Amino acid sequence: MANFGRLAGVNREQVAQDLAAHVYGTRKITGAEIGAAVSKAFSSPCTIKPHVNMRPAVDGTKLLHGIVGRGAGFTESHLWEASSVRIDWPPEHDGIEVLQRLYDPDERLFIGARHDAGAGYVLPVSEWITRFERGTAIPEHIIPNPLTGEPGQTKDGKPSYRADSCVARFRFAVVEFDAMSREQQIQFWGGVKLPVVALLDSGGKSVHGWIKIDAANADEWTRRVEVNLFDILTAVGADGACKNEARLSRMPGHFRAEKSRWQRVLYLKPRRGASYPMNKTTAEEMLHEQAVADGAADINNVEWPGPYRIAGGCICVEKDTQDGRFGGLFVTSSRVSRKKLCSMME
């Protein structure tokens, strides 16, 4: 593994520190072993050169068939039973319950109509809860990611308080299917393996899923969500317009008069706390692993552009996207043989 640290351009001292801090397993690795490995790596000729594979196309039909097959027989009542939060309140209370369970009181959220964009629609969660408890009607839309409360610009240069540039926390991705029957959508959510935080009945034909992402910034969001995650989701029929960080979703607890239906919470699993550490599988990796397991993608030709990890969770090398340099070595428990790992790096 020290060879890969050298390959990444990390100095020997940092490689030794990273190995000591990130090697896991039952066998104790001594400092002397790490020192010897690092010395050998830096004193031997380097014969391995990295390359970047083209990301393979995912067979969306095959993947969707596998996911829906695993969710066959799943109904709305099964989602309710699977929810870690017992949804035993009336639908008009959904908005308050979601805000209390998914957000901190001082985080600012946009809640309003589709074309509302002023500062008065981006308020602290505590203020929204107070308003709803006092009987204020719950608006139809929410941006699930907390915002700054400061003005920004849309991609076409228009001023807005709810633009992508206004996002403060890159926490949730919104996923919805417009061309899939409601029955099949529920089967999809019943069969897919993703860090789902909430499933919401739109009051129409869609079930909206909120997926935990916790990206560090806009660049990471673009890479992980707009490219890696939605490349696969759109292949199975998800709406590709949902991939931006300030995407609107339906606000639970709103009554759609034109449909005579409530926008309701169907499933709720709060995932509060710190972002997923590097040795945890992220949403986009979970979905790719399912594509591989279903024979819809080739594990030997996967690219996770930096920060990225070798297939199988064996090693992760971070890439500084500003100047193209590599740095930071993370080693986790290996499910890939040394021969296999080397073949993927050649």
Protein backbone atom coordinates (compact mmCIF):
# COMPACT_ATOMS: atom_id res chain seq x y z
CA MET A 1 0.00 0.00 0.00
CA ALA A 2 2.92 2.35 0.60
CA ASN A 3 3.67 2.12 -3.11
CA PHE A 4 0.34 3.74 -3.86
CA GLY A 5 1.12 6.54 -1.43
CA ARG A 6 4.35 7.19 -3.31
CA LEU A 7 2.44 6.98 -6.57
CA ALA A 8 -0.01 9.60 -5.28
CA GLY A 9 2.85 12.05 -4.65
CA VAL A 10 2.62 11.91 -0.85
CA ASN A 11 5.92 12.20 1.07
CA ARG A 12 7.12 9.19 3.05
CA GLU A 13 6.42 10.71 6.46
CA GLN A 14 2.80 11.42 5.54
CA VAL A 15 2.37 7.95 4.02
CA ALA A 16 3.61 6.38 7.26
CA GLN A 17 1.21 8.52 9.31
CA ASP A 18 -1.74 7.74 7.04
CA LEU A 19 -1.05 4.02 7.07
CA ALA A 20 -0.77 3.98 10.85
CA ALA A 21 -4.04 5.89 11.22
CA HIS A 22 -6.12 4.05 8.64
CA VAL A 23 -5.15 0.38 8.63
CA TYR A 24 -7.91 -1.75 10.12
CA GLY A 25 -8.22 -5.41 10.97
CA THR A 26 -7.58 -7.87 13.76
CA ARG A 27 -3.80 -8.14 13.29
CA LYS A 28 -1.74 -5.43 14.99
CA ILE A 29 0.54 -3.59 12.56
CA THR A 30 3.70 -2.33 14.26
CA GLY A 31 5.46 0.93 13.54
CA ALA A 32 8.51 -1.02 12.42
CA GLU A 33 6.46 -2.88 9.79
CA ILE A 34 5.03 0.36 8.48
CA GLY A 35 8.48 1.99 8.41
CA ALA A 36 9.97 -0.94 6.52
CA ALA A 37 7.15 -0.91 3.97
CA VAL A 38 7.50 2.83 3.41
CA SER A 39 11.28 2.63 3.06
CA LYS A 40 11.00 -0.18 0.54
CA ALA A 41 8.36 1.68 -1.45
CA PHE A 42 10.41 4.86 -1.69
CA SER A 43 13.74 3.14 -2.41
CA SER A 44 12.47 0.78 -5.15
CA PRO A 45 11.88 1.71 -8.80
CA CYS A 46 8.24 2.65 -9.38
CA THR A 47 6.81 0.46 -12.15
CA ILE A 48 3.09 1.09 -11.63
CA LYS A 49 1.48 4.01 -13.43
CA PRO A 50 -2.08 5.11 -12.76
CA HIS A 51 -4.70 5.40 -15.43
CA VAL A 52 -8.31 6.51 -15.50
CA ASN A 53 -10.86 4.11 -16.91
CA MET A 54 -13.90 5.30 -18.75
CA ARG A 55 -16.96 4.96 -16.54
CA PRO A 56 -18.97 2.05 -17.94
CA ALA A 57 -22.50 2.55 -19.13
CA VAL A 58 -25.05 1.04 -16.78
CA ASP A 59 -27.76 -1.15 -18.26
CA GLY A 60 -30.67 0.72 -16.72
CA THR A 61 -33.27 -1.81 -17.78
CA LYS A 62 -31.39 -4.66 -16.13
CA LEU A 63 -30.67 -2.68 -12.97
CA LEU A 64 -34.27 -1.48 -12.65
CA HIS A 65 -35.49 -5.04 -13.13
CA GLY A 66 -33.23 -6.21 -10.31
CA ILE A 67 -34.23 -3.43 -7.91
CA VAL A 68 -37.97 -3.68 -8.57
CA GLY A 69 -37.71 -7.45 -8.34
CA ARG A 70 -36.26 -7.15 -4.83
CA GLY A 71 -39.10 -4.80 -3.95
CA ALA A 72 -41.82 -6.97 -5.49
CA GLY A 73 -44.88 -7.03 -3.30
CA PHE A 74 -43.84 -3.87 -1.46
CA THR A 75 -46.76 -1.54 -0.74
CA GLU A 76 -47.24 1.76 1.04
CA SER A 77 -47.99 -0.10 4.26
CA HIS A 78 -44.62 -1.86 4.01
CA LEU A 79 -42.88 1.53 3.75
CA TRP A 80 -44.77 2.63 6.86
CA GLU A 81 -43.68 -0.50 8.72
CA ALA A 82 -40.05 -0.07 7.58
CA SER A 83 -39.90 3.55 8.76
CA SER A 84 -37.65 3.93 11.82
CA VAL A 85 -39.98 6.71 13.01
CA ARG A 86 -43.52 5.56 13.73
CA ILE A 87 -45.69 7.89 11.61
CA ASP A 88 -48.74 7.98 13.87
CA TRP A 89 -49.75 11.65 13.50
CA PRO A 90 -52.26 13.18 11.06
CA PRO A 91 -50.89 14.39 7.68
CA GLU A 92 -51.34 18.06 8.57
CA HIS A 93 -48.59 17.59 11.19
CA ASP A 94 -46.10 16.11 8.72
CA GLY A 95 -44.32 19.40 8.07
CA ILE A 96 -43.54 20.09 11.72
CA GLU A 97 -42.44 16.49 12.36
CA VAL A 98 -40.05 16.47 9.39
CA LEU A 99 -38.52 19.83 10.31
CA GLN A 100 -38.01 18.82 13.93
CA ARG A 101 -36.44 15.46 13.08
CA LEU A 102 -34.18 16.37 10.13
CA TYR A 103 -32.90 19.86 10.90
CA ASP A 104 -31.35 22.02 13.59
CA PRO A 105 -33.48 24.98 14.76
CA ASP A 106 -31.10 27.61 13.37
CA GLU A 107 -30.75 26.11 9.90
CA ARG A 108 -32.45 28.15 7.19
CA LEU A 109 -34.83 26.56 4.69
CA PHE A 110 -36.77 27.74 1.69
CA ILE A 111 -40.47 26.85 1.99
CA GLY A 112 -42.86 28.44 -0.47
CA ALA A 113 -44.56 28.32 -3.85
CA ARG A 114 -42.70 27.33 -7.01
CA HIS A 115 -41.84 30.87 -8.07
CA ASP A 116 -41.23 32.44 -4.65
CA ALA A 117 -37.59 33.53 -4.33
CA GLY A 118 -37.39 36.38 -1.82
CA ALA A 119 -35.68 36.53 1.55
CA GLY A 120 -39.03 36.13 3.36
CA TYR A 121 -39.25 32.52 2.20
CA VAL A 122 -35.85 31.51 3.61
CA LEU A 123 -36.24 31.36 7.39
CA PRO A 124 -34.77 29.46 10.35
CA VAL A 125 -36.41 26.11 11.01
CA SER A 126 -37.51 27.32 14.44
CA GLU A 127 -39.42 30.19 12.80
CA TRP A 128 -41.14 27.88 10.33
CA ILE A 129 -42.19 25.52 13.13
CA THR A 130 -43.59 28.39 15.17
CA ARG A 131 -45.60 29.65 12.20
CA PHE A 132 -47.03 26.22 11.42
CA GLU A 133 -47.89 25.58 15.07
CA ARG A 134 -49.83 28.86 15.06
CA GLY A 135 -51.88 27.71 12.10
CA THR A 136 -50.07 29.20 9.10
CA ALA A 137 -50.86 27.13 6.03
CA ILE A 138 -47.93 24.97 4.92
CA PRO A 139 -46.73 25.97 1.42
CA GLU A 140 -46.37 23.43 -1.37
CA HIS A 141 -42.58 23.31 -1.85
CA ILE A 142 -39.36 22.99 0.14
CA ILE A 143 -35.68 22.94 -0.76
CA PRO A 144 -34.40 20.11 1.47
CA ASN A 145 -30.85 21.49 1.66
CA PRO A 146 -30.30 24.31 4.18
CA LEU A 147 -29.54 27.71 2.65
CA THR A 148 -27.37 30.65 3.70
CA GLY A 149 -30.17 33.22 3.86
CA GLU A 150 -28.00 35.50 1.73
CA PRO A 151 -28.73 36.53 -1.87
CA GLY A 152 -27.06 34.67 -4.70
CA GLN A 153 -27.37 34.28 -8.44
CA THR A 154 -29.04 31.64 -10.53
CA LYS A 155 -27.08 29.99 -13.34
CA ASP A 156 -28.49 32.57 -15.77
CA GLY A 157 -27.39 35.47 -13.56
CA LYS A 158 -30.70 36.36 -11.92
CA PRO A 159 -30.72 37.37 -8.21
CA SER A 160 -32.27 34.81 -5.88
CA TYR A 161 -32.27 33.66 -2.26
CA ARG A 162 -32.83 30.03 -3.30
CA ALA A 163 -30.28 29.49 -6.09
CA ASP A 164 -27.74 26.67 -6.09
CA SER A 165 -25.18 29.28 -5.03
CA CYS A 166 -27.22 29.89 -1.84
CA VAL A 167 -26.90 26.33 -0.51
CA ALA A 168 -25.15 26.13 2.86
CA ARG A 169 -25.34 22.36 3.52
CA PHE A 170 -25.16 19.82 0.71
CA ARG A 171 -27.09 17.25 2.69
CA PHE A 172 -29.87 15.67 0.63
CA ALA A 173 -30.48 14.74 -3.02
CA VAL A 174 -34.06 14.63 -4.29
CA VAL A 175 -35.05 11.66 -6.46
CA GLU A 176 -38.35 11.28 -8.28
CA PHE A 177 -39.81 9.32 -11.18
CA ASP A 178 -42.35 10.98 -13.48
CA ALA A 179 -42.75 8.18 -16.01
CA MET A 180 -43.07 5.27 -13.58
CA SER A 181 -46.30 4.05 -12.04
CA ARG A 182 -46.80 4.72 -8.36
CA GLU A 183 -46.87 0.98 -7.67
CA GLN A 184 -43.51 0.50 -9.38
CA GLN A 185 -42.03 3.53 -7.59
CA ILE A 186 -42.88 2.00 -4.22
CA GLN A 187 -41.35 -1.30 -5.35
CA PHE A 188 -38.23 0.59 -6.41
CA TRP A 189 -37.88 2.21 -3.00
CA GLY A 190 -38.60 -1.11 -1.36
CA GLY A 191 -35.82 -2.84 -3.32
CA VAL A 192 -33.08 -0.23 -3.69
CA LYS A 193 -30.17 0.06 -1.25
CA LEU A 194 -29.61 3.78 -0.62
CA PRO A 195 -29.34 5.97 2.51
CA VAL A 196 -32.96 7.11 2.25
CA VAL A 197 -33.94 9.73 4.81
CA ALA A 198 -37.53 10.34 3.75
CA LEU A 199 -40.09 9.16 1.21
CA LEU A 200 -42.86 11.65 0.48
CA ASP A 201 -46.18 11.29 -1.31
CA SER A 202 -46.30 14.29 -3.67
CA GLY A 203 -50.08 14.38 -3.55
CA GLY A 204 -49.98 13.50 -7.24
CA LYS A 205 -48.38 10.62 -9.09
CA SER A 206 -44.86 10.71 -7.61
CA VAL A 207 -43.05 9.49 -4.53
CA HIS A 208 -40.12 11.79 -3.73
CA GLY A 209 -37.04 10.29 -2.09
CA TRP A 210 -34.55 12.31 -0.05
CA ILE A 211 -31.12 10.65 -0.12
CA LYS A 212 -28.40 11.44 2.42
CA ILE A 213 -25.34 12.86 0.65
CA ASP A 214 -23.44 15.22 3.00
CA ALA A 215 -21.11 16.60 0.34
CA ALA A 216 -18.47 19.02 1.60
CA ASN A 217 -19.01 21.66 -1.09
CA ALA A 218 -20.47 22.37 -4.52
CA ASP A 219 -17.61 20.69 -6.39
CA GLU A 220 -18.05 17.47 -4.43
CA TRP A 221 -21.80 17.66 -4.98
CA THR A 222 -21.31 17.99 -8.74
CA ARG A 223 -18.99 15.01 -8.88
CA ARG A 224 -20.81 12.71 -6.50
CA VAL A 225 -24.45 13.58 -7.23
CA GLU A 226 -24.78 15.21 -10.64
CA VAL A 227 -22.30 12.79 -12.26
CA ASN A 228 -21.78 9.57 -10.30
CA LEU A 229 -25.21 9.15 -8.69
CA PHE A 230 -27.50 10.54 -11.37
CA ASP A 231 -25.67 8.84 -14.23
CA ILE A 232 -27.08 5.65 -12.76
CA LEU A 233 -30.41 7.01 -11.51
CA THR A 234 -31.35 8.49 -14.88
CA ALA A 235 -30.52 5.14 -16.49
CA VAL A 236 -33.27 3.54 -14.38
CA GLY A 237 -35.76 6.30 -15.18
CA ALA A 238 -35.27 8.98 -12.51
CA ASP A 239 -35.89 12.62 -13.42
CA GLY A 240 -32.48 14.06 -14.36
CA ALA A 241 -33.66 17.60 -13.58
CA CYS A 242 -33.57 16.76 -9.86
CA LYS A 243 -29.79 16.59 -9.58
CA ASN A 244 -29.00 20.19 -8.58
CA GLU A 245 -28.44 21.06 -4.94
CA ALA A 246 -31.28 23.60 -4.64
CA ARG A 247 -33.90 21.30 -6.14
CA LEU A 248 -37.48 21.77 -5.02
CA SER A 249 -39.37 18.92 -3.42
CA ARG A 250 -42.92 18.69 -2.19
CA MET A 251 -43.40 19.99 1.34
CA PRO A 252 -45.07 17.39 3.58
CA GLY A 253 -48.17 18.62 5.34
CA HIS A 254 -49.41 20.70 2.41
CA PHE A 255 -52.92 19.98 1.14
CA ARG A 256 -53.15 20.04 -2.66
CA ALA A 257 -56.62 21.44 -3.22
CA GLU A 258 -56.55 20.74 -6.96
CA LYS A 259 -55.90 17.05 -6.23
CA SER A 260 -57.86 16.89 -2.93
CA ARG A 261 -54.87 15.05 -1.47
CA TRP A 262 -52.25 15.63 1.21
CA GLN A 263 -48.53 15.68 0.56
CA ARG A 264 -47.60 13.02 3.11
CA VAL A 265 -44.63 11.35 4.73
CA LEU A 266 -44.55 7.65 3.86
CA TYR A 267 -41.17 6.76 5.42
CA LEU A 268 -38.80 8.62 7.72
CA LYS A 269 -35.36 7.63 8.88
CA PRO A 270 -33.37 10.56 10.30
CA ARG A 271 -29.62 10.27 9.75
CA ARG A 272 -28.30 13.07 11.92
CA GLY A 273 -24.67 13.82 12.69
CA ALA A 274 -21.37 13.95 10.85
CA SER A 275 -20.87 13.08 7.20
CA TYR A 276 -20.06 9.53 6.23
CA PRO A 277 -16.35 8.83 6.92
CA MET A 278 -14.16 7.70 4.06
CA ASN A 279 -14.42 4.02 4.99
CA LYS A 280 -18.24 4.05 4.72
CA THR A 281 -20.04 3.34 1.50
CA THR A 282 -21.63 6.46 -0.01
CA ALA A 283 -24.94 6.63 -1.86
CA GLU A 284 -23.38 6.58 -5.32
CA GLU A 285 -21.15 3.62 -4.41
CA MET A 286 -24.10 1.70 -2.97
CA LEU A 287 -26.01 2.14 -6.21
CA HIS A 288 -23.02 1.15 -8.34
CA GLU A 289 -22.48 -1.98 -6.24
CA GLN A 290 -26.10 -2.94 -6.93
CA ALA A 291 -25.52 -2.41 -10.66
CA VAL A 292 -22.49 -4.71 -10.47
CA ALA A 293 -24.37 -7.33 -8.44
CA ASP A 294 -27.23 -7.29 -10.95
CA GLY A 295 -24.85 -7.68 -13.88
CA ALA A 296 -25.70 -4.17 -15.11
CA ALA A 297 -22.15 -2.72 -14.84
CA ASP A 298 -18.55 -3.98 -14.98
CA ILE A 299 -16.62 -3.69 -11.72
CA ASN A 300 -13.32 -3.82 -13.60
CA ASN A 301 -13.98 -0.55 -15.39
CA VAL A 302 -15.28 1.78 -12.74
CA GLU A 303 -14.00 5.31 -12.24
CA TRP A 304 -14.62 7.43 -9.17
CA PRO A 305 -12.78 10.63 -10.12
CA GLY A 306 -10.83 11.96 -7.12
CA PRO A 307 -11.49 11.62 -4.35
CA TYR A 308 -12.10 8.06 -5.55
CA ARG A 309 -11.70 4.56 -4.22
CA ILE A 310 -10.51 1.37 -5.86
CA ALA A 311 -13.42 -1.02 -6.47
CA GLY A 312 -14.11 -3.23 -3.47
CA GLY A 313 -13.24 -0.65 -0.82
CA CYS A 314 -9.53 -1.41 -0.70
CA ILE A 315 -7.84 1.96 -0.99
CA CYS A 316 -8.81 5.57 -1.50
CA VAL A 317 -6.53 8.32 -2.79
CA GLU A 318 -7.78 11.87 -2.55
CA LYS A 319 -7.28 14.24 -5.46
CA ASP A 320 -6.99 17.99 -5.07
CA THR A 321 -9.19 19.10 -7.97
CA GLN A 322 -7.82 22.66 -7.94
CA ASP A 323 -4.33 21.87 -9.19
CA GLY A 324 -4.64 18.22 -10.21
CA ARG A 325 -2.22 16.95 -7.54
CA PHE A 326 -2.90 13.82 -5.54
CA GLY A 327 -2.58 13.61 -1.80
CA GLY A 328 -3.86 11.69 1.20
CA LEU A 329 -3.88 7.92 1.45
CA PHE A 330 -6.68 5.96 3.10
CA VAL A 331 -6.55 2.20 3.49
CA THR A 332 -9.55 0.15 4.56
CA SER A 333 -10.25 -3.55 4.94
CA SER A 334 -9.64 -5.26 1.62
CA ARG A 335 -12.02 -7.48 -0.31
CA VAL A 336 -9.78 -7.39 -3.38
CA SER A 337 -6.73 -9.60 -3.89
CA ARG A 338 -3.32 -7.97 -4.35
CA LYS A 339 -3.19 -9.29 -7.92
CA LYS A 340 -6.60 -7.82 -8.64
CA LEU A 341 -5.67 -4.48 -7.08
CA CYS A 342 -2.47 -4.21 -9.11
CA SER A 343 -4.32 -5.08 -12.31
CA MET A 344 -6.71 -2.22 -11.67
CA MET A 345 -3.84 0.23 -11.20
CA GLU A 346 -1.77 -0.82 -14.22
